[in-house]
């Protein structure tokens, strides 16, 4: 359904999860390319929304904080709706699937509201788009592009991207030097967590063993990443490792996380938001998949994916209700082999 008008003021409601937000960044570029003279705003949750700072295709960021229930949530909804009304947007694109996000656009007077037709929200949309028939057989990036294709925007080959400033990269290098990194060392980022749940997480003791081998046999500097929730797990994982293991879990803001990942030569990770962030930053990824689908949420081209074909995988469960074989069958030697293969494909400058 092509738009019968040329929008002048567009707002895109970005996804709420780190990985989803990163995978949605091509939509920003595609919309701007389609409507170069329109003012383009990205709306999203803080602090994730700050990842979109310095995006050359955006004119404005509309960031808001998530509130709990009761008075504060109602007050926040009023503030968000008021700001949407002030923006006088003539086109809104909803990359989220919730009723609330469509309700906000409806109440905020966004004239044309485009989104997937999920339960109960069809009446709130002026352009309700059905999900692709084979949604579980295509990448999530393509699903986002399917939504804007309904506006007459061709399916493109644009890929996820995050823009960092020179000062942010320099600060990340200072942090690493202060933490014990020495110039010329191989830098391997390790992300042992996954916000969705433990079914996506490889065994902690195996991450520990991989880091130990990387440090002792390759002279690597291993940087462990993670949010506040996974920080205790990462702390225990780092116990007994040499000083070249740097624990940054729970110690970084979102743009600091991006800048530090940018400085890694290689990123070893579960299927997670930081995996997509590393891929968008051009860092080579070795990804370990179990309960989720490589087809739907796999990393970009610069990657090696280890995935066992267990009969129950992908199950998309938060917690395994069987024997966790999809992850247990990924052995340390296999991961070390994938890392060695990756390093052969990565040009490094000392």
C-alpha atoms as a PDB file:
ATOM      1  CA  UNK A   1       0.000   0.000   0.000  1.00  0.00           C
ATOM      2  CA  UNK A   2       1.931   3.012  -1.257  1.00  0.00           C
ATOM      3  CA  UNK A   3       1.411   6.252   0.625  1.00  0.00           C
ATOM      4  CA  UNK A   4      -0.803   8.707  -1.280  1.00  0.00           C
ATOM      5  CA  UNK A   5       1.238  11.617   0.082  1.00  0.00           C
ATOM      6  CA  UNK A   6       4.833  12.589   0.768  1.00  0.00           C
ATOM      7  CA  UNK A   7       5.359  12.758   4.558  1.00  0.00           C
ATOM      8  CA  UNK A   8       7.242  15.712   5.957  1.00  0.00           C
ATOM      9  CA  UNK A   9       7.553  14.696   9.610  1.00  0.00           C
ATOM     10  CA  UNK A  10       8.158  11.009  10.400  1.00  0.00           C
ATOM     11  CA  UNK A  11       8.611   9.197  13.704  1.00  0.00           C
ATOM     12  CA  UNK A  12       9.873   5.614  14.072  1.00  0.00           C
ATOM     13  CA  UNK A  13       9.132   3.769  17.317  1.00  0.00           C
ATOM     14  CA  UNK A  14      12.255   1.649  17.823  1.00  0.00           C
ATOM     15  CA  UNK A  15      12.240  -1.780  19.570  1.00  0.00           C
ATOM     16  CA  UNK A  16      12.810  -2.053  23.328  1.00  0.00           C
ATOM     17  CA  UNK A  17      15.544  -4.732  23.363  1.00  0.00           C
ATOM     18  CA  UNK A  18      19.181  -4.050  22.540  1.00  0.00           C
ATOM     19  CA  UNK A  19      19.527  -6.647  19.803  1.00  0.00           C
ATOM     20  CA  UNK A  20      16.202  -5.748  18.225  1.00  0.00           C
ATOM     21  CA  UNK A  21      17.038  -2.046  18.256  1.00  0.00           C
ATOM     22  CA  UNK A  22      20.358  -2.696  16.519  1.00  0.00           C
ATOM     23  CA  UNK A  23      18.688  -4.931  13.919  1.00  0.00           C
ATOM     24  CA  UNK A  24      16.162  -2.163  13.276  1.00  0.00           C
ATOM     25  CA  UNK A  25      18.752   0.509  12.424  1.00  0.00           C
ATOM     26  CA  UNK A  26      18.621  -0.237   8.667  1.00  0.00           C
ATOM     27  CA  UNK A  27      15.002   0.950   8.741  1.00  0.00           C
ATOM     28  CA  UNK A  28      16.156   4.425   9.757  1.00  0.00           C
ATOM     29  CA  UNK A  29      18.438   4.610   6.729  1.00  0.00           C
ATOM     30  CA  UNK A  30      15.856   3.156   4.351  1.00  0.00           C
ATOM     31  CA  UNK A  31      13.124   5.574   5.458  1.00  0.00           C
ATOM     32  CA  UNK A  32      15.450   8.561   5.125  1.00  0.00           C
ATOM     33  CA  UNK A  33      16.529   7.405   1.671  1.00  0.00           C
ATOM     34  CA  UNK A  34      12.887   7.082   0.645  1.00  0.00           C
ATOM     35  CA  UNK A  35      11.880  10.483   2.055  1.00  0.00           C
ATOM     36  CA  UNK A  36      15.094  12.573   2.060  1.00  0.00           C
ATOM     37  CA  UNK A  37      13.297  15.877   2.616  1.00  0.00           C
ATOM     38  CA  UNK A  38      11.288  14.681   5.604  1.00  0.00           C
ATOM     39  CA  UNK A  39      12.246  15.353   9.202  1.00  0.00           C
ATOM     40  CA  UNK A  40      12.979  11.992  10.857  1.00  0.00           C
ATOM     41  CA  UNK A  41      12.689  11.208  14.583  1.00  0.00           C
ATOM     42  CA  UNK A  42      13.530   7.920  16.326  1.00  0.00           C
ATOM     43  CA  UNK A  43      11.629   7.171  19.533  1.00  0.00           C
ATOM     44  CA  UNK A  44      12.890   4.647  22.060  1.00  0.00           C
ATOM     45  CA  UNK A  45      13.512   3.629  25.630  1.00  0.00           C
ATOM     46  CA  UNK A  46      16.396   5.110  27.577  1.00  0.00           C
ATOM     47  CA  UNK A  47      19.215   4.277  27.901  1.00  0.00           C
ATOM     48  CA  UNK A  48      19.153   2.145  24.716  1.00  0.00           C
ATOM     49  CA  UNK A  49      17.922   5.113  22.733  1.00  0.00           C
ATOM     50  CA  UNK A  50      21.289   6.828  23.229  1.00  0.00           C
ATOM     51  CA  UNK A  51      22.859   4.251  20.900  1.00  0.00           C
ATOM     52  CA  UNK A  52      21.227   6.168  18.070  1.00  0.00           C
ATOM     53  CA  UNK A  53      23.074   9.389  18.868  1.00  0.00           C
ATOM     54  CA  UNK A  54      25.109  10.713  15.935  1.00  0.00           C
ATOM     55  CA  UNK A  55      23.074   8.661  13.448  1.00  0.00           C
ATOM     56  CA  UNK A  56      23.461  10.735  10.281  1.00  0.00           C
ATOM     57  CA  UNK A  57      19.947   9.909   9.053  1.00  0.00           C
ATOM     58  CA  UNK A  58      18.155  11.226  12.140  1.00  0.00           C
ATOM     59  CA  UNK A  59      17.052  14.767  12.883  1.00  0.00           C
ATOM     60  CA  UNK A  60      15.906  14.084  16.442  1.00  0.00           C
ATOM     61  CA  UNK A  61      15.873  11.477  19.217  1.00  0.00           C
ATOM     62  CA  UNK A  62      12.776  11.075  21.390  1.00  0.00           C
ATOM     63  CA  UNK A  63      13.985   9.072  24.409  1.00  0.00           C
ATOM     64  CA  UNK A  64      11.818   8.187  27.387  1.00  0.00           C
ATOM     65  CA  UNK A  65      12.224   6.143  30.568  1.00  0.00           C
ATOM     66  CA  UNK A  66      10.119   3.123  31.432  1.00  0.00           C
ATOM     67  CA  UNK A  67       7.990   3.619  34.539  1.00  0.00           C
ATOM     68  CA  UNK A  68       6.373   1.078  36.820  1.00  0.00           C
ATOM     69  CA  UNK A  69       2.609   0.929  37.343  1.00  0.00           C
ATOM     70  CA  UNK A  70       0.334   3.390  39.130  1.00  0.00           C
ATOM     71  CA  UNK A  71       0.419   7.159  39.092  1.00  0.00           C
ATOM     72  CA  UNK A  72       3.935   7.514  37.674  1.00  0.00           C
ATOM     73  CA  UNK A  73       3.165   5.324  34.683  1.00  0.00           C
ATOM     74  CA  UNK A  74      -0.040   7.223  33.937  1.00  0.00           C
ATOM     75  CA  UNK A  75       1.829  10.507  34.244  1.00  0.00           C
ATOM     76  CA  UNK A  76       4.522   9.261  31.894  1.00  0.00           C
ATOM     77  CA  UNK A  77       1.949   8.173  29.321  1.00  0.00           C
ATOM     78  CA  UNK A  78       0.448  11.640  29.452  1.00  0.00           C
ATOM     79  CA  UNK A  79       3.862  13.232  28.927  1.00  0.00           C
ATOM     80  CA  UNK A  80       4.680  10.938  25.988  1.00  0.00           C
ATOM     81  CA  UNK A  81       1.314  11.537  24.331  1.00  0.00           C
ATOM     82  CA  UNK A  82       1.678  15.304  24.813  1.00  0.00           C
ATOM     83  CA  UNK A  83       5.113  15.257  23.208  1.00  0.00           C
ATOM     84  CA  UNK A  84       3.816  13.204  20.283  1.00  0.00           C
ATOM     85  CA  UNK A  85       1.029  15.747  19.822  1.00  0.00           C
ATOM     86  CA  UNK A  86       3.537  18.605  19.903  1.00  0.00           C
ATOM     87  CA  UNK A  87       5.585  16.874  17.203  1.00  0.00           C
ATOM     88  CA  UNK A  88       2.691  16.929  14.720  1.00  0.00           C
ATOM     89  CA  UNK A  89       3.934  13.817  12.958  1.00  0.00           C
ATOM     90  CA  UNK A  90       2.223  12.909   9.704  1.00  0.00           C
ATOM     91  CA  UNK A  91       3.691   9.394   9.584  1.00  0.00           C
ATOM     92  CA  UNK A  92       4.501   6.987  12.418  1.00  0.00           C
ATOM     93  CA  UNK A  93       6.183   3.608  11.929  1.00  0.00           C
ATOM     94  CA  UNK A  94       5.830   1.120  14.785  1.00  0.00           C
ATOM     95  CA  UNK A  95       8.610  -1.465  14.954  1.00  0.00           C
ATOM     96  CA  UNK A  96       7.216  -2.567  18.327  1.00  0.00           C
ATOM     97  CA  UNK A  97       4.275  -4.954  18.554  1.00  0.00           C
ATOM     98  CA  UNK A  98       2.585  -3.742  21.743  1.00  0.00           C
ATOM     99  CA  UNK A  99      -0.875  -2.282  22.107  1.00  0.00           C
ATOM    100  CA  UNK A 100       0.523   0.592  24.205  1.00  0.00           C
ATOM    101  CA  UNK A 101       2.889   1.850  21.515  1.00  0.00           C
ATOM    102  CA  UNK A 102       0.030   2.001  18.986  1.00  0.00           C
ATOM    103  CA  UNK A 103      -2.223   3.649  21.593  1.00  0.00           C
ATOM    104  CA  UNK A 104       0.361   6.370  22.186  1.00  0.00           C
ATOM    105  CA  UNK A 105       0.595   7.133  18.469  1.00  0.00           C
ATOM    106  CA  UNK A 106      -3.195   7.155  18.186  1.00  0.00           C
ATOM    107  CA  UNK A 107      -3.699   9.443  21.181  1.00  0.00           C
ATOM    108  CA  UNK A 108      -0.744  11.638  20.138  1.00  0.00           C
ATOM    109  CA  UNK A 109      -2.408  12.451  16.836  1.00  0.00           C
ATOM    110  CA  UNK A 110       0.136  10.795  14.536  1.00  0.00           C
ATOM    111  CA  UNK A 111      -1.808  10.977  11.260  1.00  0.00           C
ATOM    112  CA  UNK A 112      -0.698   7.815   9.450  1.00  0.00           C
ATOM    113  CA  UNK A 113       0.192   4.910  11.756  1.00  0.00           C
ATOM    114  CA  UNK A 114       1.920   1.892  10.248  1.00  0.00           C
ATOM    115  CA  UNK A 115       2.512  -1.309  12.197  1.00  0.00           C
ATOM    116  CA  UNK A 116       2.065  -5.050  12.275  1.00  0.00           C
ATOM    117  CA  UNK A 117      -1.486  -6.120  12.966  1.00  0.00           C
ATOM    118  CA  UNK A 118      -1.080  -7.720  16.377  1.00  0.00           C
ATOM    119  CA  UNK A 119      -3.869  -8.615  18.782  1.00  0.00           C
ATOM    120  CA  UNK A 120      -6.294  -5.780  19.615  1.00  0.00           C
ATOM    121  CA  UNK A 121      -4.385  -2.946  17.978  1.00  0.00           C
ATOM    122  CA  UNK A 122      -5.631  -3.083  14.372  1.00  0.00           C
ATOM    123  CA  UNK A 123      -8.253  -0.309  15.002  1.00  0.00           C
ATOM    124  CA  UNK A 124      -5.442   1.991  16.187  1.00  0.00           C
ATOM    125  CA  UNK A 125      -3.499   1.665  12.926  1.00  0.00           C
ATOM    126  CA  UNK A 126      -4.282   3.397   9.654  1.00  0.00           C
ATOM    127  CA  UNK A 127      -2.011   0.915   7.842  1.00  0.00           C
ATOM    128  CA  UNK A 128      -2.211  -2.494   9.555  1.00  0.00           C
ATOM    129  CA  UNK A 129       0.295  -4.902   8.002  1.00  0.00           C
ATOM    130  CA  UNK A 130       0.078  -8.678   8.324  1.00  0.00           C
ATOM    131  CA  UNK A 131       3.151 -10.571   9.474  1.00  0.00           C
ATOM    132  CA  UNK A 132       5.080 -12.372   6.711  1.00  0.00           C
ATOM    133  CA  UNK A 133       3.788 -15.916   6.188  1.00  0.00           C
ATOM    134  CA  UNK A 134       7.217 -17.449   6.796  1.00  0.00           C
ATOM    135  CA  UNK A 135       8.340 -15.132   9.561  1.00  0.00           C
ATOM    136  CA  UNK A 136      10.253 -17.919  11.365  1.00  0.00           C
ATOM    137  CA  UNK A 137      12.197 -18.671   8.162  1.00  0.00           C
ATOM    138  CA  UNK A 138      13.603 -15.211   7.539  1.00  0.00           C
ATOM    139  CA  UNK A 139      15.872 -12.833   9.399  1.00  0.00           C
ATOM    140  CA  UNK A 140      14.319 -10.289  11.711  1.00  0.00           C
ATOM    141  CA  UNK A 141      15.928  -7.472   9.732  1.00  0.00           C
ATOM    142  CA  UNK A 142      13.966  -8.629   6.685  1.00  0.00           C
ATOM    143  CA  UNK A 143      10.766  -8.705   8.758  1.00  0.00           C
ATOM    144  CA  UNK A 144      11.291  -5.049   9.705  1.00  0.00           C
ATOM    145  CA  UNK A 145      11.875  -4.234   6.035  1.00  0.00           C
ATOM    146  CA  UNK A 146       8.690  -6.088   5.146  1.00  0.00           C
ATOM    147  CA  UNK A 147       6.786  -3.575   7.270  1.00  0.00           C
ATOM    148  CA  UNK A 148       8.102  -0.492   5.471  1.00  0.00           C
ATOM    149  CA  UNK A 149       7.751  -2.224   2.101  1.00  0.00           C
ATOM    150  CA  UNK A 150       4.040  -1.629   2.648  1.00  0.00           C
ATOM    151  CA  UNK A 151       4.859   2.079   2.212  1.00  0.00           C
ATOM    152  CA  UNK A 152       6.387   1.456  -1.184  1.00  0.00           C
ATOM    153  CA  UNK A 153       9.963   1.397   0.155  1.00  0.00           C
ATOM    154  CA  UNK A 154      11.897  -1.315  -1.714  1.00  0.00           C
ATOM    155  CA  UNK A 155      13.577  -4.122   0.247  1.00  0.00           C
ATOM    156  CA  UNK A 156      17.193  -2.988   0.485  1.00  0.00           C
ATOM    157  CA  UNK A 157      20.525  -4.556   1.394  1.00  0.00           C
ATOM    158  CA  UNK A 158      21.241  -2.029   4.146  1.00  0.00           C
ATOM    159  CA  UNK A 159      22.766  -3.547   7.284  1.00  0.00           C
ATOM    160  CA  UNK A 160      22.749  -2.625  10.993  1.00  0.00           C
ATOM    161  CA  UNK A 161      25.099   0.175  11.994  1.00  0.00           C
ATOM    162  CA  UNK A 162      26.021   2.177  15.083  1.00  0.00           C
ATOM    163  CA  UNK A 163      27.961   5.439  14.913  1.00  0.00           C
ATOM    164  CA  UNK A 164      30.683   6.189  17.465  1.00  0.00           C
ATOM    165  CA  UNK A 165      32.612   9.399  17.984  1.00  0.00           C
ATOM    166  CA  UNK A 166      36.402   9.555  17.882  1.00  0.00           C
ATOM    167  CA  UNK A 167      36.449  10.749  21.493  1.00  0.00           C
ATOM    168  CA  UNK A 168      34.442   7.716  22.632  1.00  0.00           C
ATOM    169  CA  UNK A 169      36.853   5.311  20.966  1.00  0.00           C
ATOM    170  CA  UNK A 170      39.847   7.084  22.480  1.00  0.00           C
ATOM    171  CA  UNK A 171      38.238   6.887  25.925  1.00  0.00           C
ATOM    172  CA  UNK A 172      37.660   3.140  25.481  1.00  0.00           C
ATOM    173  CA  UNK A 173      41.336   2.672  24.677  1.00  0.00           C
ATOM    174  CA  UNK A 174      42.289   4.575  27.818  1.00  0.00           C
ATOM    175  CA  UNK A 175      40.006   2.354  29.921  1.00  0.00           C
ATOM    176  CA  UNK A 176      41.629  -0.782  28.513  1.00  0.00           C
ATOM    177  CA  UNK A 177      45.158   0.515  29.071  1.00  0.00           C
ATOM    178  CA  UNK A 178      44.316   1.415  32.666  1.00  0.00           C
ATOM    179  CA  UNK A 179      42.818  -2.051  33.186  1.00  0.00           C
ATOM    180  CA  UNK A 180      45.971  -3.867  32.085  1.00  0.00           C
ATOM    181  CA  UNK A 181      45.786  -4.107  28.306  1.00  0.00           C
ATOM    182  CA  UNK A 182      49.114  -3.617  26.506  1.00  0.00           C
ATOM    183  CA  UNK A 183      49.357  -2.420  22.929  1.00  0.00           C
ATOM    184  CA  UNK A 184      49.671  -5.261  20.452  1.00  0.00           C
ATOM    185  CA  UNK A 185      47.733  -7.791  22.520  1.00  0.00           C
ATOM    186  CA  UNK A 186      44.933  -9.772  20.934  1.00  0.00           C
ATOM    187  CA  UNK A 187      41.680  -8.426  22.428  1.00  0.00           C
ATOM    188  CA  UNK A 188      38.801 -10.876  22.754  1.00  0.00           C
ATOM    189  CA  UNK A 189      35.457  -9.704  24.075  1.00  0.00           C
ATOM    190  CA  UNK A 190      33.422 -12.334  25.913  1.00  0.00           C
ATOM    191  CA  UNK A 191      29.688 -11.983  26.468  1.00  0.00           C
ATOM    192  CA  UNK A 192      28.490 -14.873  28.634  1.00  0.00           C
ATOM    193  CA  UNK A 193      25.009 -13.570  29.374  1.00  0.00           C
ATOM    194  CA  UNK A 194      21.759 -13.212  27.448  1.00  0.00           C
ATOM    195  CA  UNK A 195      18.919 -11.039  28.696  1.00  0.00           C
ATOM    196  CA  UNK A 196      16.196 -13.354  27.413  1.00  0.00           C
ATOM    197  CA  UNK A 197      17.136 -16.192  29.763  1.00  0.00           C
ATOM    198  CA  UNK A 198      19.584 -18.981  30.657  1.00  0.00           C
ATOM    199  CA  UNK A 199      18.464 -21.217  27.772  1.00  0.00           C
ATOM    200  CA  UNK A 200      20.576 -18.980  25.504  1.00  0.00           C
ATOM    201  CA  UNK A 201      23.699 -19.134  27.683  1.00  0.00           C
ATOM    202  CA  UNK A 202      26.646 -21.441  27.138  1.00  0.00           C
ATOM    203  CA  UNK A 203      28.092 -23.079  30.258  1.00  0.00           C
ATOM    204  CA  UNK A 204      30.011 -20.574  32.471  1.00  0.00           C
ATOM    205  CA  UNK A 205      32.867 -22.977  33.228  1.00  0.00           C
ATOM    206  CA  UNK A 206      33.477 -23.378  29.497  1.00  0.00           C
ATOM    207  CA  UNK A 207      33.717 -19.630  28.969  1.00  0.00           C
ATOM    208  CA  UNK A 208      36.228 -19.656  31.837  1.00  0.00           C
ATOM    209  CA  UNK A 209      38.265 -22.396  30.153  1.00  0.00           C
ATOM    210  CA  UNK A 210      38.260 -20.629  26.781  1.00  0.00           C
ATOM    211  CA  UNK A 211      39.473 -17.393  28.388  1.00  0.00           C
ATOM    212  CA  UNK A 212      42.221 -19.266  30.234  1.00  0.00           C
ATOM    213  CA  UNK A 213      43.481 -20.848  27.013  1.00  0.00           C
ATOM    214  CA  UNK A 214      43.312 -17.555  25.102  1.00  0.00           C
ATOM    215  CA  UNK A 215      45.381 -15.803  27.754  1.00  0.00           C
ATOM    216  CA  UNK A 216      47.949 -18.549  28.305  1.00  0.00           C
ATOM    217  CA  UNK A 217      48.354 -19.849  24.758  1.00  0.00           C
ATOM    218  CA  UNK A 218      47.692 -16.737  22.661  1.00  0.00           C
ATOM    219  CA  UNK A 219      48.701 -13.926  25.021  1.00  0.00           C
ATOM    220  CA  UNK A 220      45.245 -12.452  24.690  1.00  0.00           C
ATOM    221  CA  UNK A 221      43.470  -9.847  26.742  1.00  0.00           C
ATOM    222  CA  UNK A 222      39.934 -11.083  27.477  1.00  0.00           C
ATOM    223  CA  UNK A 223      37.264  -8.520  28.302  1.00  0.00           C
ATOM    224  CA  UNK A 224      34.136  -9.898  29.976  1.00  0.00           C
ATOM    225  CA  UNK A 225      30.956  -7.932  29.338  1.00  0.00           C
ATOM    226  CA  UNK A 226      27.498  -8.093  30.882  1.00  0.00           C
ATOM    227  CA  UNK A 227      24.778  -6.050  32.524  1.00  0.00           C
ATOM    228  CA  UNK A 228      24.019  -5.695  36.236  1.00  0.00           C
ATOM    229  CA  UNK A 229      21.971  -8.897  36.312  1.00  0.00           C
ATOM    230  CA  UNK A 230      24.725 -11.088  34.917  1.00  0.00           C
ATOM    231  CA  UNK A 231      27.554  -9.320  36.806  1.00  0.00           C
ATOM    232  CA  UNK A 232      27.628 -11.839  39.724  1.00  0.00           C
ATOM    233  CA  UNK A 233      27.902 -14.724  37.241  1.00  0.00           C
ATOM    234  CA  UNK A 234      30.720 -12.998  35.382  1.00  0.00           C
ATOM    235  CA  UNK A 235      32.529 -12.260  38.647  1.00  0.00           C
ATOM    236  CA  UNK A 236      32.525 -15.955  39.555  1.00  0.00           C
ATOM    237  CA  UNK A 237      33.549 -16.841  36.013  1.00  0.00           C
ATOM    238  CA  UNK A 238      36.621 -14.608  36.249  1.00  0.00           C
ATOM    239  CA  UNK A 239      37.826 -16.091  39.545  1.00  0.00           C
ATOM    240  CA  UNK A 240      41.166 -17.822  39.089  1.00  0.00           C
ATOM    241  CA  UNK A 241      41.879 -16.218  35.729  1.00  0.00           C
ATOM    242  CA  UNK A 242      45.110 -14.256  35.114  1.00  0.00           C
ATOM    243  CA  UNK A 243      45.158 -10.464  35.300  1.00  0.00           C
ATOM    244  CA  UNK A 244      44.696 -10.310  31.524  1.00  0.00           C
ATOM    245  CA  UNK A 245      41.024 -11.132  32.148  1.00  0.00           C
ATOM    246  CA  UNK A 246      39.251  -7.789  32.539  1.00  0.00           C
ATOM    247  CA  UNK A 247      35.801  -7.821  34.094  1.00  0.00           C
ATOM    248  CA  UNK A 248      33.639  -4.972  32.767  1.00  0.00           C
ATOM    249  CA  UNK A 249      30.279  -6.558  33.612  1.00  0.00           C
ATOM    250  CA  UNK A 250      27.931  -4.043  35.206  1.00  0.00           C
ATOM    251  CA  UNK A 251      30.520  -1.278  34.847  1.00  0.00           C
ATOM    252  CA  UNK A 252      29.594   0.312  31.535  1.00  0.00           C
ATOM    253  CA  UNK A 253      26.914   2.583  30.207  1.00  0.00           C
ATOM    254  CA  UNK A 254      25.456   1.614  26.858  1.00  0.00           C
ATOM    255  CA  UNK A 255      27.684   3.796  24.669  1.00  0.00           C
ATOM    256  CA  UNK A 256      30.753   2.830  26.714  1.00  0.00           C
ATOM    257  CA  UNK A 257      29.829  -0.792  26.058  1.00  0.00           C
ATOM    258  CA  UNK A 258      29.681  -0.084  22.332  1.00  0.00           C
ATOM    259  CA  UNK A 259      33.023   1.735  22.375  1.00  0.00           C
ATOM    260  CA  UNK A 260      34.774  -1.070  24.269  1.00  0.00           C
ATOM    261  CA  UNK A 261      33.327  -3.731  21.976  1.00  0.00           C
ATOM    262  CA  UNK A 262      34.574  -1.672  19.033  1.00  0.00           C
ATOM    263  CA  UNK A 263      38.127  -2.123  20.346  1.00  0.00           C
ATOM    264  CA  UNK A 264      37.886  -5.939  20.352  1.00  0.00           C
ATOM    265  CA  UNK A 265      39.551  -7.971  17.611  1.00  0.00           C
ATOM    266  CA  UNK A 266      37.008 -10.732  18.154  1.00  0.00           C
ATOM    267  CA  UNK A 267      33.779 -11.169  20.098  1.00  0.00           C
ATOM    268  CA  UNK A 268      32.769 -14.523  21.617  1.00  0.00           C
ATOM    269  CA  UNK A 269      29.122 -14.475  22.582  1.00  0.00           C
ATOM    270  CA  UNK A 270      25.777 -16.132  23.081  1.00  0.00           C
ATOM    271  CA  UNK A 271      22.867 -15.014  20.904  1.00  0.00           C
ATOM    272  CA  UNK A 272      22.283 -11.650  22.576  1.00  0.00           C
ATOM    273  CA  UNK A 273      22.033  -7.906  22.195  1.00  0.00           C
ATOM    274  CA  UNK A 274      25.813  -7.378  22.529  1.00  0.00           C
ATOM    275  CA  UNK A 275      26.277  -9.942  19.720  1.00  0.00           C
ATOM    276  CA  UNK A 276      24.259  -7.731  17.366  1.00  0.00           C
ATOM    277  CA  UNK A 277      26.046  -4.632  18.660  1.00  0.00           C
ATOM    278  CA  UNK A 278      29.450  -6.173  17.913  1.00  0.00           C
ATOM    279  CA  UNK A 279      28.311  -7.217  14.460  1.00  0.00           C
ATOM    280  CA  UNK A 280      26.970  -3.727  13.700  1.00  0.00           C
ATOM    281  CA  UNK A 281      30.326  -2.257  14.766  1.00  0.00           C
ATOM    282  CA  UNK A 282      32.188  -4.493  12.324  1.00  0.00           C
ATOM    283  CA  UNK A 283      33.776  -6.739  14.955  1.00  0.00           C
ATOM    284  CA  UNK A 284      34.180 -10.397  13.962  1.00  0.00           C
ATOM    285  CA  UNK A 285      31.769 -12.540  15.968  1.00  0.00           C
ATOM    286  CA  UNK A 286      31.939 -16.153  17.119  1.00  0.00           C
ATOM    287  CA  UNK A 287      28.365 -16.850  18.201  1.00  0.00           C
ATOM    288  CA  UNK A 288      27.003 -19.805  20.167  1.00  0.00           C
ATOM    289  CA  UNK A 289      23.362 -20.651  19.411  1.00  0.00           C
ATOM    290  CA  UNK A 290      21.092 -23.117  21.174  1.00  0.00           C
ATOM    291  CA  UNK A 291      17.455 -22.308  21.921  1.00  0.00           C
ATOM    292  CA  UNK A 292      17.083 -19.649  19.225  1.00  0.00           C
ATOM    293  CA  UNK A 293      17.194 -19.593  15.433  1.00  0.00           C
ATOM    294  CA  UNK A 294      20.291 -18.599  13.472  1.00  0.00           C
ATOM    295  CA  UNK A 295      17.986 -17.925  10.537  1.00  0.00           C
ATOM    296  CA  UNK A 296      15.978 -15.325  12.471  1.00  0.00           C
ATOM    297  CA  UNK A 297      18.555 -13.598  14.694  1.00  0.00           C
ATOM    298  CA  UNK A 298      21.963 -14.664  13.405  1.00  0.00           C
ATOM    299  CA  UNK A 299      24.855 -12.170  13.306  1.00  0.00           C
ATOM    300  CA  UNK A 300      26.187 -10.476  10.171  1.00  0.00           C
ATOM    301  CA  UNK A 301      28.584 -11.736   7.530  1.00  0.00           C
ATOM    302  CA  UNK A 302      31.735 -11.374   9.638  1.00  0.00           C
ATOM    303  CA  UNK A 303      30.897 -14.281  11.900  1.00  0.00           C
ATOM    304  CA  UNK A 304      31.173 -17.966  12.668  1.00  0.00           C
ATOM    305  CA  UNK A 305      28.162 -19.601  14.302  1.00  0.00           C
ATOM    306  CA  UNK A 306      28.281 -22.810  16.329  1.00  0.00           C
ATOM    307  CA  UNK A 307      24.872 -24.454  16.567  1.00  0.00           C
ATOM    308  CA  UNK A 308      23.952 -28.052  17.348  1.00  0.00           C
ATOM    309  CA  UNK A 309      20.904 -29.508  15.655  1.00  0.00           C
ATOM    310  CA  UNK A 310      19.095 -30.818  18.719  1.00  0.00           C
ATOM    311  CA  UNK A 311      15.614 -32.217  17.910  1.00  0.00           C
ATOM    312  CA  UNK A 312      13.980 -29.605  20.171  1.00  0.00           C
ATOM    313  CA  UNK A 313      15.961 -26.626  18.887  1.00  0.00           C
ATOM    314  CA  UNK A 314      15.031 -23.881  18.281  1.00  0.00           C
ATOM    315  CA  UNK A 315      12.521 -23.930  21.149  1.00  0.00           C
ATOM    316  CA  UNK A 316      12.693 -20.188  21.981  1.00  0.00           C
ATOM    317  CA  UNK A 317      12.259 -20.981  25.675  1.00  0.00           C
ATOM    318  CA  UNK A 318      13.783 -18.830  28.405  1.00  0.00           C
ATOM    319  CA  UNK A 319      14.690 -21.874  30.495  1.00  0.00           C
ATOM    320  CA  UNK A 320      15.461 -25.321  29.084  1.00  0.00           C
ATOM    321  CA  UNK A 321      12.911 -27.928  30.133  1.00  0.00           C
ATOM    322  CA  UNK A 322      14.960 -30.880  28.867  1.00  0.00           C
ATOM    323  CA  UNK A 323      18.652 -31.769  28.989  1.00  0.00           C
ATOM    324  CA  UNK A 324      20.155 -28.537  27.543  1.00  0.00           C
ATOM    325  CA  UNK A 325      21.957 -30.607  24.916  1.00  0.00           C
ATOM    326  CA  UNK A 326      21.939 -27.791  22.359  1.00  0.00           C
ATOM    327  CA  UNK A 327      24.495 -25.924  24.468  1.00  0.00           C
ATOM    328  CA  UNK A 328      26.183 -28.804  26.282  1.00  0.00           C
ATOM    329  CA  UNK A 329      27.207 -30.359  22.969  1.00  0.00           C
ATOM    330  CA  UNK A 330      29.248 -27.272  22.052  1.00  0.00           C
ATOM    331  CA  UNK A 331      32.693 -28.185  23.345  1.00  0.00           C
ATOM    332  CA  UNK A 332      35.580 -25.938  24.362  1.00  0.00           C
ATOM    333  CA  UNK A 333      37.815 -27.388  21.631  1.00  0.00           C
ATOM    334  CA  UNK A 334      35.192 -26.508  19.006  1.00  0.00           C
ATOM    335  CA  UNK A 335      35.028 -22.937  20.222  1.00  0.00           C
ATOM    336  CA  UNK A 336      38.818 -22.637  20.228  1.00  0.00           C
ATOM    337  CA  UNK A 337      38.837 -24.002  16.677  1.00  0.00           C
ATOM    338  CA  UNK A 338      36.256 -21.410  15.594  1.00  0.00           C
ATOM    339  CA  UNK A 339      38.313 -18.652  17.228  1.00  0.00           C
ATOM    340  CA  UNK A 340      41.460 -19.852  15.420  1.00  0.00           C
ATOM    341  CA  UNK A 341      39.574 -19.880  12.107  1.00  0.00           C
ATOM    342  CA  UNK A 342      38.221 -16.399  12.791  1.00  0.00           C
ATOM    343  CA  UNK A 343      41.660 -15.013  13.578  1.00  0.00           C
ATOM    344  CA  UNK A 344      42.931 -16.270  10.232  1.00  0.00           C
ATOM    345  CA  UNK A 345      40.218 -14.206   8.558  1.00  0.00           C
ATOM    346  CA  UNK A 346      40.776 -11.019  10.575  1.00  0.00           C
ATOM    347  CA  UNK A 347      43.398  -8.515   9.417  1.00  0.00           C
ATOM    348  CA  UNK A 348      45.167  -7.175  12.502  1.00  0.00           C
ATOM    349  CA  UNK A 349      47.430  -4.151  12.825  1.00  0.00           C
ATOM    350  CA  UNK A 350      49.834  -4.051  15.760  1.00  0.00           C
END
